[in-house]
């Protein structure tokens, strides 16, 4: 999974339904794990990845506790919804043009 596919997957997860900040965090971590999982080739890498995920979870929990987090995540969700709406408009226009 490349970076573009990862961001699209995260966008899809966050715009498909209203989620709490914790659910958004979990969705982002799952998407990141899915992207990394394809590149893992051994037990040592899996152990390293688990440690990295724990670090991400701790950082995410700390950040999500800040007032800035709610504002940013709300802004990201709104931006993702606007982008999805624009993409739908573009698709409809392209279909109408044939």
C-alpha atoms as a PDB file:
ATOM      1  CA  UNK A   1       0.000   0.000   0.000  1.00  0.00           C
ATOM      2  CA  UNK A   2       1.528   3.309  -0.992  1.00  0.00           C
ATOM      3  CA  UNK A   3       1.085   6.619   0.829  1.00  0.00           C
ATOM      4  CA  UNK A   4      -1.744   7.781  -1.446  1.00  0.00           C
ATOM      5  CA  UNK A   5      -3.683   4.570  -0.898  1.00  0.00           C
ATOM      6  CA  UNK A   6      -3.097   4.832   2.854  1.00  0.00           C
ATOM      7  CA  UNK A   7      -4.404   8.412   2.962  1.00  0.00           C
ATOM      8  CA  UNK A   8      -7.439   7.450   0.874  1.00  0.00           C
ATOM      9  CA  UNK A   9      -8.135   4.541   3.219  1.00  0.00           C
ATOM     10  CA  UNK A  10      -7.868   6.821   6.264  1.00  0.00           C
ATOM     11  CA  UNK A  11     -10.140   9.366   4.576  1.00  0.00           C
ATOM     12  CA  UNK A  12     -12.697   6.651   3.789  1.00  0.00           C
ATOM     13  CA  UNK A  13     -12.634   5.406   7.378  1.00  0.00           C
ATOM     14  CA  UNK A  14     -13.030   8.875   8.869  1.00  0.00           C
ATOM     15  CA  UNK A  15     -15.784  10.074   6.540  1.00  0.00           C
ATOM     16  CA  UNK A  16     -17.878   6.915   6.416  1.00  0.00           C
ATOM     17  CA  UNK A  17     -19.539   7.686   9.744  1.00  0.00           C
ATOM     18  CA  UNK A  18     -19.217  10.007  12.685  1.00  0.00           C
ATOM     19  CA  UNK A  19     -16.567   8.671  15.020  1.00  0.00           C
ATOM     20  CA  UNK A  20     -15.170   9.587  18.388  1.00  0.00           C
ATOM     21  CA  UNK A  21     -11.569  10.751  18.597  1.00  0.00           C
ATOM     22  CA  UNK A  22     -10.568   7.333  19.940  1.00  0.00           C
ATOM     23  CA  UNK A  23     -12.262   5.588  17.015  1.00  0.00           C
ATOM     24  CA  UNK A  24     -10.476   7.943  14.597  1.00  0.00           C
ATOM     25  CA  UNK A  25      -7.173   7.162  16.314  1.00  0.00           C
ATOM     26  CA  UNK A  26      -7.827   3.430  16.055  1.00  0.00           C
ATOM     27  CA  UNK A  27      -8.765   3.745  12.377  1.00  0.00           C
ATOM     28  CA  UNK A  28      -5.557   5.634  11.585  1.00  0.00           C
ATOM     29  CA  UNK A  29      -3.430   3.130  13.502  1.00  0.00           C
ATOM     30  CA  UNK A  30      -5.113   0.186  11.766  1.00  0.00           C
ATOM     31  CA  UNK A  31      -4.587   1.759   8.356  1.00  0.00           C
ATOM     32  CA  UNK A  32      -0.929   2.454   9.156  1.00  0.00           C
ATOM     33  CA  UNK A  33      -0.471  -1.089  10.438  1.00  0.00           C
ATOM     34  CA  UNK A  34      -2.034  -2.462   7.261  1.00  0.00           C
ATOM     35  CA  UNK A  35       0.390  -0.429   5.167  1.00  0.00           C
ATOM     36  CA  UNK A  36       3.383  -1.580   7.180  1.00  0.00           C
ATOM     37  CA  UNK A  37       2.286  -5.216   7.441  1.00  0.00           C
ATOM     38  CA  UNK A  38       2.934  -5.786   3.741  1.00  0.00           C
ATOM     39  CA  UNK A  39       6.604  -4.930   4.285  1.00  0.00           C
ATOM     40  CA  UNK A  40       7.261  -7.194   7.303  1.00  0.00           C
ATOM     41  CA  UNK A  41       9.424 -10.265   6.754  1.00  0.00           C
ATOM     42  CA  UNK A  42      10.444 -11.698  10.135  1.00  0.00           C
ATOM     43  CA  UNK A  43       9.884 -12.090  13.882  1.00  0.00           C
ATOM     44  CA  UNK A  44      12.368  -9.349  14.756  1.00  0.00           C
ATOM     45  CA  UNK A  45      10.545  -6.937  12.486  1.00  0.00           C
ATOM     46  CA  UNK A  46       7.202  -7.913  14.041  1.00  0.00           C
ATOM     47  CA  UNK A  47       8.570  -7.260  17.548  1.00  0.00           C
ATOM     48  CA  UNK A  48       9.961  -3.925  16.397  1.00  0.00           C
ATOM     49  CA  UNK A  49       6.658  -3.046  14.807  1.00  0.00           C
ATOM     50  CA  UNK A  50       4.773  -3.871  18.012  1.00  0.00           C
ATOM     51  CA  UNK A  51       7.079  -1.530  19.941  1.00  0.00           C
ATOM     52  CA  UNK A  52       6.570   1.173  17.342  1.00  0.00           C
ATOM     53  CA  UNK A  53       2.781   0.765  17.528  1.00  0.00           C
ATOM     54  CA  UNK A  54       2.889   1.096  21.333  1.00  0.00           C
ATOM     55  CA  UNK A  55       4.887   4.308  20.963  1.00  0.00           C
ATOM     56  CA  UNK A  56       2.377   5.646  18.411  1.00  0.00           C
ATOM     57  CA  UNK A  57      -0.512   4.761  20.704  1.00  0.00           C
ATOM     58  CA  UNK A  58       1.104   6.595  23.626  1.00  0.00           C
ATOM     59  CA  UNK A  59       1.833   9.660  21.492  1.00  0.00           C
ATOM     60  CA  UNK A  60      -1.657   9.589  20.007  1.00  0.00           C
ATOM     61  CA  UNK A  61      -3.291   9.299  23.438  1.00  0.00           C
ATOM     62  CA  UNK A  62      -1.267  12.250  24.720  1.00  0.00           C
ATOM     63  CA  UNK A  63      -2.076  14.338  21.666  1.00  0.00           C
ATOM     64  CA  UNK A  64      -5.770  13.398  21.708  1.00  0.00           C
ATOM     65  CA  UNK A  65      -5.998  14.676  25.286  1.00  0.00           C
ATOM     66  CA  UNK A  66      -5.096  18.182  24.102  1.00  0.00           C
ATOM     67  CA  UNK A  67      -7.773  20.754  23.164  1.00  0.00           C
ATOM     68  CA  UNK A  68      -5.980  21.320  19.869  1.00  0.00           C
ATOM     69  CA  UNK A  69      -6.625  17.711  18.854  1.00  0.00           C
ATOM     70  CA  UNK A  70     -10.392  18.023  18.756  1.00  0.00           C
ATOM     71  CA  UNK A  71     -10.187  21.167  16.632  1.00  0.00           C
ATOM     72  CA  UNK A  72      -7.715  19.667  14.188  1.00  0.00           C
ATOM     73  CA  UNK A  73      -9.504  16.343  13.811  1.00  0.00           C
ATOM     74  CA  UNK A  74     -12.799  18.119  13.281  1.00  0.00           C
ATOM     75  CA  UNK A  75     -11.136  20.279  10.642  1.00  0.00           C
ATOM     76  CA  UNK A  76      -9.591  17.239   8.957  1.00  0.00           C
ATOM     77  CA  UNK A  77     -12.951  15.473   8.912  1.00  0.00           C
ATOM     78  CA  UNK A  78     -14.655  18.527   7.386  1.00  0.00           C
ATOM     79  CA  UNK A  79     -11.896  18.872   4.795  1.00  0.00           C
ATOM     80  CA  UNK A  80     -12.139  15.177   3.893  1.00  0.00           C
ATOM     81  CA  UNK A  81     -15.910  15.488   3.499  1.00  0.00           C
ATOM     82  CA  UNK A  82     -15.515  18.526   1.237  1.00  0.00           C
ATOM     83  CA  UNK A  83     -12.947  16.697  -0.878  1.00  0.00           C
ATOM     84  CA  UNK A  84     -15.260  13.683  -1.169  1.00  0.00           C
ATOM     85  CA  UNK A  85     -18.115  15.975  -2.254  1.00  0.00           C
ATOM     86  CA  UNK A  86     -15.921  17.660  -4.866  1.00  0.00           C
ATOM     87  CA  UNK A  87     -14.736  14.302  -6.182  1.00  0.00           C
ATOM     88  CA  UNK A  88     -18.360  13.180  -6.501  1.00  0.00           C
ATOM     89  CA  UNK A  89     -19.214  16.378  -8.396  1.00  0.00           C
ATOM     90  CA  UNK A  90     -16.283  15.829 -10.747  1.00  0.00           C
ATOM     91  CA  UNK A  91     -17.361  12.230 -11.376  1.00  0.00           C
ATOM     92  CA  UNK A  92     -20.936  13.325 -12.131  1.00  0.00           C
ATOM     93  CA  UNK A  93     -19.691  16.028 -14.501  1.00  0.00           C
ATOM     94  CA  UNK A  94     -17.444  13.528 -16.291  1.00  0.00           C
ATOM     95  CA  UNK A  95     -20.319  11.058 -16.613  1.00  0.00           C
ATOM     96  CA  UNK A  96     -22.577  13.773 -18.043  1.00  0.00           C
ATOM     97  CA  UNK A  97     -19.938  14.683 -20.624  1.00  0.00           C
ATOM     98  CA  UNK A  98     -19.799  11.082 -21.634  1.00  0.00           C
END
